[in-house]
Amino acid sequence: MELTVILKYLLVIVSVLLIASILLQNRGGGLGTIFGGSGGGEYYRSRRGIEAFLYNSTIVLGIVFGVISIAIAILS
């Protein structure tokens, strides 16, 4: 198997994970309000637990997506 084929499969996997991590983030409410937490006007607060993990994983997956895309373009 060629390296570009492997990178294309990896790009599909990363893109699905990136879409899932973006969709799980709820603007304004966060995961706490989805599962029954209080959602009273908290605009400035820190991310904790799973929200911090989703935020950081979205950033990492975006960077990995960009790097793989550039690698595919260079190798093609």
C-alpha atoms as a PDB file:
ATOM      1  CA  MET A   1       0.000   0.000   0.000  1.00  0.00           C
ATOM      2  CA  GLU A   2       1.298   3.429  -0.880  1.00  0.00           C
ATOM      3  CA  LEU A   3       1.850   6.105   1.699  1.00  0.00           C
ATOM      4  CA  THR A   4      -0.681   8.433   0.074  1.00  0.00           C
ATOM      5  CA  VAL A   5      -3.400   5.791   0.309  1.00  0.00           C
ATOM      6  CA  ILE A   6      -2.669   5.273   4.000  1.00  0.00           C
ATOM      7  CA  LEU A   7      -2.711   9.029   4.556  1.00  0.00           C
ATOM      8  CA  LYS A   8      -6.054   9.337   2.770  1.00  0.00           C
ATOM      9  CA  TYR A   9      -7.610   6.690   5.009  1.00  0.00           C
ATOM     10  CA  LEU A  10      -6.117   8.405   8.046  1.00  0.00           C
ATOM     11  CA  LEU A  11      -7.516  11.732   6.826  1.00  0.00           C
ATOM     12  CA  VAL A  12     -11.016  10.256   6.642  1.00  0.00           C
ATOM     13  CA  ILE A  13     -10.745   8.935  10.200  1.00  0.00           C
ATOM     14  CA  VAL A  14      -9.406  12.244  11.520  1.00  0.00           C
ATOM     15  CA  SER A  15     -12.111  14.209   9.700  1.00  0.00           C
ATOM     16  CA  VAL A  16     -14.907  12.070  11.197  1.00  0.00           C
ATOM     17  CA  LEU A  17     -13.416  12.511  14.671  1.00  0.00           C
ATOM     18  CA  LEU A  18     -13.064  16.257  14.088  1.00  0.00           C
ATOM     19  CA  ILE A  19     -16.691  16.573  13.010  1.00  0.00           C
ATOM     20  CA  ALA A  20     -17.838  14.590  16.045  1.00  0.00           C
ATOM     21  CA  SER A  21     -15.779  16.689  18.462  1.00  0.00           C
ATOM     22  CA  ILE A  22     -17.117  19.926  16.959  1.00  0.00           C
ATOM     23  CA  LEU A  23     -20.731  18.763  17.082  1.00  0.00           C
ATOM     24  CA  LEU A  24     -20.422  17.666  20.714  1.00  0.00           C
ATOM     25  CA  GLN A  25     -19.495  21.193  21.729  1.00  0.00           C
ATOM     26  CA  ASN A  26     -22.625  23.184  22.463  1.00  0.00           C
ATOM     27  CA  ARG A  27     -22.129  26.934  22.068  1.00  0.00           C
ATOM     28  CA  GLY A  28     -23.229  28.813  25.145  1.00  0.00           C
ATOM     29  CA  GLY A  29     -24.383  25.826  27.141  1.00  0.00           C
ATOM     30  CA  GLY A  30     -21.640  23.274  27.220  1.00  0.00           C
ATOM     31  CA  LEU A  31     -22.030  19.645  28.119  1.00  0.00           C
ATOM     32  CA  GLY A  32     -23.106  20.482  31.651  1.00  0.00           C
ATOM     33  CA  THR A  33     -26.407  21.946  30.533  1.00  0.00           C
ATOM     34  CA  ILE A  34     -27.077  19.115  28.088  1.00  0.00           C
ATOM     35  CA  PHE A  35     -27.067  16.565  30.901  1.00  0.00           C
ATOM     36  CA  GLY A  36     -29.143  18.575  33.365  1.00  0.00           C
ATOM     37  CA  GLY A  37     -26.712  21.080  34.857  1.00  0.00           C
ATOM     38  CA  SER A  38     -27.507  24.686  35.598  1.00  0.00           C
ATOM     39  CA  GLY A  39     -27.268  26.942  32.575  1.00  0.00           C
ATOM     40  CA  GLY A  40     -27.935  30.346  34.017  1.00  0.00           C
ATOM     41  CA  GLY A  41     -26.038  32.954  32.035  1.00  0.00           C
ATOM     42  CA  GLU A  42     -22.505  31.682  32.491  1.00  0.00           C
ATOM     43  CA  TYR A  43     -20.638  33.455  29.714  1.00  0.00           C
ATOM     44  CA  TYR A  44     -17.172  33.669  31.240  1.00  0.00           C
ATOM     45  CA  ARG A  45     -16.165  30.401  32.823  1.00  0.00           C
ATOM     46  CA  SER A  46     -13.417  27.851  32.560  1.00  0.00           C
ATOM     47  CA  ARG A  47     -13.784  24.556  30.771  1.00  0.00           C
ATOM     48  CA  ARG A  48     -13.540  21.540  33.009  1.00  0.00           C
ATOM     49  CA  GLY A  49     -13.508  17.808  32.543  1.00  0.00           C
ATOM     50  CA  ILE A  50     -14.937  16.557  29.287  1.00  0.00           C
ATOM     51  CA  GLU A  51     -15.444  20.090  27.936  1.00  0.00           C
ATOM     52  CA  ALA A  52     -11.729  20.816  28.252  1.00  0.00           C
ATOM     53  CA  PHE A  53     -10.918  17.471  26.649  1.00  0.00           C
ATOM     54  CA  LEU A  54     -13.244  18.151  23.701  1.00  0.00           C
ATOM     55  CA  TYR A  55     -11.854  21.664  23.253  1.00  0.00           C
ATOM     56  CA  ASN A  56      -8.239  20.487  23.280  1.00  0.00           C
ATOM     57  CA  SER A  57      -8.928  17.452  21.101  1.00  0.00           C
ATOM     58  CA  THR A  58     -10.671  19.670  18.537  1.00  0.00           C
ATOM     59  CA  ILE A  59      -7.571  21.851  18.304  1.00  0.00           C
ATOM     60  CA  VAL A  60      -5.250  18.841  18.005  1.00  0.00           C
ATOM     61  CA  LEU A  61      -7.458  17.125  15.418  1.00  0.00           C
ATOM     62  CA  GLY A  62      -7.612  20.333  13.371  1.00  0.00           C
ATOM     63  CA  ILE A  63      -3.840  20.595  13.337  1.00  0.00           C
ATOM     64  CA  VAL A  64      -3.456  16.904  12.442  1.00  0.00           C
ATOM     65  CA  PHE A  65      -6.041  17.334   9.657  1.00  0.00           C
ATOM     66  CA  GLY A  66      -4.073  20.248   8.211  1.00  0.00           C
ATOM     67  CA  VAL A  67      -0.736  18.453   8.403  1.00  0.00           C
ATOM     68  CA  ILE A  68      -2.084  15.312   6.750  1.00  0.00           C
ATOM     69  CA  SER A  69      -3.748  17.385   4.006  1.00  0.00           C
ATOM     70  CA  ILE A  70      -0.496  19.199   3.260  1.00  0.00           C
ATOM     71  CA  ALA A  71       1.421  15.890   3.287  1.00  0.00           C
ATOM     72  CA  ILE A  72      -1.014  14.386   0.772  1.00  0.00           C
ATOM     73  CA  ALA A  73      -0.699  17.446  -1.458  1.00  0.00           C
ATOM     74  CA  ILE A  74       3.089  17.303  -1.372  1.00  0.00           C
ATOM     75  CA  LEU A  75       3.275  13.558  -2.023  1.00  0.00           C
ATOM     76  CA  SER A  76       0.742  13.603  -4.878  1.00  0.00           C
END
